[in-house]
Amino acid sequence: MLDVDSHTNFLNKSERDRIKVIGQKIEDVAKAVTNTGKGGISNTYKENRFGRLLREDMVTNPHYGLLDEVSPEEKVKLLNQLVSDFLHDLGLMAHQ
């Protein structure tokens, strides 16, 4: 993987971040092409892409830490809400 910060020091932060996202997308496509899984290339790419974004969101969103502190029933409700918020933030789902 390209270390964007050390190889693009002549660009501003937003341009480096954009290059980093493009690199991640290329990596996700390459993984989908080399290992299509049961759903084909398109679905495998989506799984890779959204899986990466959700993992990144889990690192930055403090509400995921609450999962260890609640009952199984509350955990399901919290996870559904967190995934709903995650998809809404990506512009893929309207809030209900």
N, C-alpha and C. Protein backbone atom coordinates (compact mmCIF):
# COMPACT_ATOMS: atom_id res chain seq x y z
N MET A 1 0.84 -1.18 0.00
CA MET A 1 0.00 0.00 0.00
C MET A 1 0.89 1.24 0.00
N LEU A 2 0.49 2.22 -0.73
CA LEU A 2 1.21 3.48 -0.85
C LEU A 2 1.07 4.29 0.44
N ASP A 3 2.19 4.77 0.97
CA ASP A 3 2.15 5.67 2.12
C ASP A 3 1.94 7.08 1.57
N VAL A 4 0.68 7.49 1.55
CA VAL A 4 0.30 8.74 0.90
C VAL A 4 1.02 9.94 1.49
N ASP A 5 1.16 9.99 2.80
CA ASP A 5 1.77 11.16 3.43
C ASP A 5 3.24 11.33 3.05
N SER A 6 3.99 10.23 2.97
CA SER A 6 5.42 10.37 2.68
C SER A 6 5.71 10.51 1.19
N HIS A 7 4.80 10.07 0.33
CA HIS A 7 5.04 10.14 -1.10
C HIS A 7 4.37 11.33 -1.78
N THR A 8 3.56 12.07 -1.07
CA THR A 8 2.83 13.18 -1.68
C THR A 8 2.92 14.44 -0.82
N ASN A 9 4.10 14.74 -0.30
CA ASN A 9 4.23 15.87 0.61
C ASN A 9 4.02 17.23 -0.07
N PHE A 10 3.93 17.24 -1.40
CA PHE A 10 3.71 18.49 -2.12
C PHE A 10 2.22 18.81 -2.26
N LEU A 11 1.34 17.92 -1.83
CA LEU A 11 -0.10 18.13 -1.93
C LEU A 11 -0.67 18.56 -0.57
N ASN A 12 -1.82 19.23 -0.62
CA ASN A 12 -2.45 19.58 0.65
C ASN A 12 -3.19 18.37 1.22
N LYS A 13 -3.66 18.47 2.45
CA LYS A 13 -4.25 17.33 3.15
C LYS A 13 -5.46 16.76 2.43
N SER A 14 -6.32 17.60 1.90
CA SER A 14 -7.52 17.09 1.22
C SER A 14 -7.15 16.29 -0.02
N GLU A 15 -6.12 16.73 -0.74
CA GLU A 15 -5.67 15.98 -1.92
C GLU A 15 -5.04 14.65 -1.51
N ARG A 16 -4.27 14.64 -0.41
CA ARG A 16 -3.68 13.38 0.08
C ARG A 16 -4.77 12.42 0.54
N ASP A 17 -5.79 12.95 1.22
CA ASP A 17 -6.90 12.11 1.67
C ASP A 17 -7.65 11.51 0.47
N ARG A 18 -7.82 12.30 -0.56
CA ARG A 18 -8.50 11.80 -1.77
C ARG A 18 -7.69 10.68 -2.42
N ILE A 19 -6.37 10.85 -2.50
CA ILE A 19 -5.50 9.81 -3.07
C ILE A 19 -5.58 8.55 -2.21
N LYS A 20 -5.63 8.72 -0.91
CA LYS A 20 -5.72 7.58 -0.01
C LYS A 20 -7.02 6.81 -0.24
N VAL A 21 -8.14 7.51 -0.39
CA VAL A 21 -9.43 6.86 -0.64
C VAL A 21 -9.41 6.14 -1.99
N ILE A 22 -8.84 6.77 -3.00
CA ILE A 22 -8.74 6.13 -4.32
C ILE A 22 -7.90 4.86 -4.22
N GLY A 23 -6.81 4.91 -3.49
CA GLY A 23 -5.98 3.73 -3.30
C GLY A 23 -6.72 2.62 -2.59
N GLN A 24 -7.53 2.97 -1.59
CA GLN A 24 -8.32 1.97 -0.89
C GLN A 24 -9.35 1.33 -1.82
N LYS A 25 -9.97 2.15 -2.67
CA LYS A 25 -10.95 1.62 -3.62
C LYS A 25 -10.29 0.68 -4.61
N ILE A 26 -9.11 1.04 -5.09
CA ILE A 26 -8.38 0.17 -6.01
C ILE A 26 -8.03 -1.15 -5.32
N GLU A 27 -7.61 -1.07 -4.08
CA GLU A 27 -7.30 -2.28 -3.32
C GLU A 27 -8.54 -3.16 -3.16
N ASP A 28 -9.68 -2.54 -2.87
CA ASP A 28 -10.93 -3.30 -2.71
C ASP A 28 -11.34 -3.96 -4.03
N VAL A 29 -11.16 -3.26 -5.15
CA VAL A 29 -11.47 -3.84 -6.46
C VAL A 29 -10.54 -5.02 -6.74
N ALA A 30 -9.25 -4.84 -6.47
CA ALA A 30 -8.28 -5.92 -6.71
C ALA A 30 -8.63 -7.16 -5.89
N LYS A 31 -9.02 -6.96 -4.64
CA LYS A 31 -9.42 -8.10 -3.80
C LYS A 31 -10.67 -8.76 -4.36
N ALA A 32 -11.61 -7.96 -4.86
CA ALA A 32 -12.84 -8.52 -5.41
C ALA A 32 -12.57 -9.32 -6.67
N VAL A 33 -11.65 -8.85 -7.50
CA VAL A 33 -11.33 -9.55 -8.74
C VAL A 33 -10.60 -10.86 -8.46
N THR A 34 -9.71 -10.85 -7.49
CA THR A 34 -8.91 -12.04 -7.22
C THR A 34 -9.65 -13.06 -6.35
N ASN A 35 -10.67 -12.62 -5.63
CA ASN A 35 -11.43 -13.54 -4.78
C ASN A 35 -12.88 -13.12 -4.83
N THR A 36 -13.62 -13.60 -5.83
CA THR A 36 -14.98 -13.12 -6.06
C THR A 36 -16.00 -13.63 -5.06
N GLY A 37 -15.69 -14.67 -4.35
CA GLY A 37 -16.66 -15.20 -3.38
C GLY A 37 -17.89 -15.72 -4.09
N LYS A 38 -18.97 -15.87 -3.34
CA LYS A 38 -20.20 -16.44 -3.89
C LYS A 38 -21.06 -15.41 -4.61
N GLY A 39 -20.88 -14.14 -4.31
CA GLY A 39 -21.76 -13.11 -4.86
C GLY A 39 -21.27 -12.46 -6.14
N GLY A 40 -20.11 -12.87 -6.64
CA GLY A 40 -19.56 -12.25 -7.84
C GLY A 40 -18.72 -11.03 -7.50
N ILE A 41 -18.10 -10.49 -8.51
CA ILE A 41 -17.16 -9.37 -8.32
C ILE A 41 -17.85 -8.15 -7.72
N SER A 42 -19.01 -7.78 -8.24
CA SER A 42 -19.69 -6.57 -7.77
C SER A 42 -20.04 -6.65 -6.30
N ASN A 43 -20.67 -7.75 -5.89
CA ASN A 43 -21.05 -7.88 -4.48
C ASN A 43 -19.83 -8.00 -3.58
N THR A 44 -18.79 -8.70 -4.04
CA THR A 44 -17.58 -8.83 -3.23
C THR A 44 -16.92 -7.47 -3.05
N TYR A 45 -16.91 -6.64 -4.12
CA TYR A 45 -16.36 -5.28 -3.99
C TYR A 45 -17.15 -4.49 -2.94
N LYS A 46 -18.47 -4.56 -3.01
CA LYS A 46 -19.30 -3.82 -2.05
C LYS A 46 -19.03 -4.30 -0.62
N GLU A 47 -18.91 -5.62 -0.44
CA GLU A 47 -18.60 -6.15 0.88
C GLU A 47 -17.26 -5.62 1.38
N ASN A 48 -16.25 -5.63 0.51
CA ASN A 48 -14.93 -5.13 0.88
C ASN A 48 -14.98 -3.64 1.22
N ARG A 49 -15.65 -2.87 0.36
CA ARG A 49 -15.68 -1.41 0.52
C ARG A 49 -16.43 -1.02 1.79
N PHE A 50 -17.65 -1.53 1.96
CA PHE A 50 -18.45 -1.15 3.11
C PHE A 50 -17.89 -1.74 4.39
N GLY A 51 -17.27 -2.91 4.29
CA GLY A 51 -16.61 -3.50 5.46
C GLY A 51 -15.49 -2.60 5.95
N ARG A 52 -14.69 -2.09 5.01
CA ARG A 52 -13.59 -1.18 5.37
C ARG A 52 -14.14 0.10 6.00
N LEU A 53 -15.17 0.68 5.38
CA LEU A 53 -15.74 1.92 5.91
C LEU A 53 -16.36 1.72 7.29
N LEU A 54 -17.04 0.58 7.47
CA LEU A 54 -17.63 0.31 8.77
C LEU A 54 -16.56 0.11 9.84
N ARG A 55 -15.47 -0.59 9.50
CA ARG A 55 -14.37 -0.77 10.46
C ARG A 55 -13.78 0.58 10.84
N GLU A 56 -13.60 1.47 9.86
CA GLU A 56 -13.07 2.81 10.16
C GLU A 56 -14.03 3.58 11.06
N ASP A 57 -15.33 3.45 10.79
CA ASP A 57 -16.34 4.14 11.60
C ASP A 57 -16.33 3.61 13.03
N MET A 58 -16.12 2.31 13.18
CA MET A 58 -16.10 1.71 14.51
C MET A 58 -14.95 2.25 15.35
N VAL A 59 -13.84 2.61 14.70
CA VAL A 59 -12.69 3.15 15.42
C VAL A 59 -12.98 4.57 15.91
N THR A 60 -13.71 5.34 15.12
CA THR A 60 -13.93 6.74 15.46
C THR A 60 -15.22 7.01 16.22
N ASN A 61 -16.19 6.09 16.18
CA ASN A 61 -17.48 6.31 16.82
C ASN A 61 -17.48 5.71 18.23
N PRO A 62 -17.58 6.53 19.26
CA PRO A 62 -17.50 6.02 20.63
C PRO A 62 -18.68 5.13 21.03
N HIS A 63 -19.77 5.18 20.29
CA HIS A 63 -20.95 4.40 20.65
C HIS A 63 -20.73 2.89 20.49
N TYR A 64 -19.78 2.49 19.65
CA TYR A 64 -19.51 1.07 19.50
C TYR A 64 -18.96 0.47 20.79
N GLY A 65 -18.32 1.27 21.61
CA GLY A 65 -17.81 0.81 22.90
C GLY A 65 -18.92 0.42 23.86
N LEU A 66 -20.11 0.93 23.64
CA LEU A 66 -21.25 0.61 24.50
C LEU A 66 -21.74 -0.82 24.32
N LEU A 67 -21.34 -1.47 23.24
CA LEU A 67 -21.84 -2.81 22.95
C LEU A 67 -21.49 -3.82 24.03
N ASP A 68 -20.38 -3.61 24.71
CA ASP A 68 -19.97 -4.53 25.75
C ASP A 68 -20.74 -4.32 27.05
N GLU A 69 -21.46 -3.23 27.14
CA GLU A 69 -22.10 -2.86 28.40
C GLU A 69 -23.61 -3.08 28.43
N VAL A 70 -24.19 -3.61 27.35
CA VAL A 70 -25.65 -3.71 27.28
C VAL A 70 -26.08 -5.16 27.10
N SER A 71 -27.36 -5.39 27.33
CA SER A 71 -27.94 -6.73 27.17
C SER A 71 -27.95 -7.11 25.68
N PRO A 72 -28.09 -8.40 25.39
CA PRO A 72 -28.14 -8.82 23.97
C PRO A 72 -29.25 -8.12 23.17
N GLU A 73 -30.41 -7.92 23.80
CA GLU A 73 -31.51 -7.25 23.10
C GLU A 73 -31.16 -5.80 22.79
N GLU A 74 -30.57 -5.12 23.76
CA GLU A 74 -30.15 -3.74 23.55
C GLU A 74 -29.01 -3.67 22.53
N LYS A 75 -28.16 -4.68 22.51
CA LYS A 75 -27.05 -4.72 21.57
C LYS A 75 -27.57 -4.76 20.13
N VAL A 76 -28.61 -5.53 19.89
CA VAL A 76 -29.22 -5.61 18.55
C VAL A 76 -29.77 -4.24 18.15
N LYS A 77 -30.49 -3.60 19.06
CA LYS A 77 -31.06 -2.28 18.77
C LYS A 77 -29.95 -1.26 18.48
N LEU A 78 -28.90 -1.29 19.31
CA LEU A 78 -27.80 -0.35 19.15
C LEU A 78 -27.06 -0.58 17.83
N LEU A 79 -26.80 -1.84 17.51
CA LEU A 79 -26.13 -2.15 16.24
C LEU A 79 -26.96 -1.71 15.05
N ASN A 80 -28.26 -1.97 15.08
CA ASN A 80 -29.14 -1.53 13.99
C ASN A 80 -29.10 -0.01 13.83
N GLN A 81 -29.12 0.71 14.95
CA GLN A 81 -29.07 2.17 14.89
C GLN A 81 -27.72 2.65 14.36
N LEU A 82 -26.63 2.03 14.82
CA LEU A 82 -25.30 2.43 14.37
C LEU A 82 -25.12 2.18 12.87
N VAL A 83 -25.59 1.04 12.38
CA VAL A 83 -25.49 0.74 10.95
C VAL A 83 -26.37 1.70 10.16
N SER A 84 -27.55 2.00 10.67
CA SER A 84 -28.44 2.95 10.02
C SER A 84 -27.79 4.33 9.92
N ASP A 85 -27.19 4.78 11.02
CA ASP A 85 -26.48 6.07 11.01
C ASP A 85 -25.31 6.06 10.04
N PHE A 86 -24.58 4.95 10.03
CA PHE A 86 -23.43 4.78 9.13
C PHE A 86 -23.88 4.91 7.67
N LEU A 87 -24.95 4.21 7.30
CA LEU A 87 -25.45 4.27 5.92
C LEU A 87 -26.01 5.65 5.59
N HIS A 88 -26.65 6.27 6.56
CA HIS A 88 -27.16 7.63 6.34
C HIS A 88 -26.00 8.61 6.09
N ASP A 89 -24.93 8.49 6.88
CA ASP A 89 -23.78 9.37 6.71
C ASP A 89 -23.14 9.20 5.33
N LEU A 90 -23.23 8.00 4.77
CA LEU A 90 -22.71 7.76 3.43
C LEU A 90 -23.67 8.22 2.34
N GLY A 91 -24.88 8.64 2.74
CA GLY A 91 -25.88 9.07 1.77
C GLY A 91 -26.60 7.91 1.11
N LEU A 92 -26.57 6.75 1.74
CA LEU A 92 -27.19 5.56 1.15
C LEU A 92 -28.53 5.22 1.75
N MET A 93 -28.93 5.93 2.79
CA MET A 93 -30.18 5.62 3.45
C MET A 93 -30.71 6.85 4.17
N ALA A 94 -32.01 7.08 4.09
CA ALA A 94 -32.62 8.19 4.81
C ALA A 94 -32.88 7.77 6.24
N HIS A 95 -32.82 8.73 7.17
CA HIS A 95 -33.14 8.40 8.57
C HIS A 95 -34.61 8.07 8.67
N GLN A 96 -34.90 7.11 9.52
CA GLN A 96 -36.30 6.69 9.71
C GLN A 96 -36.87 7.28 10.95
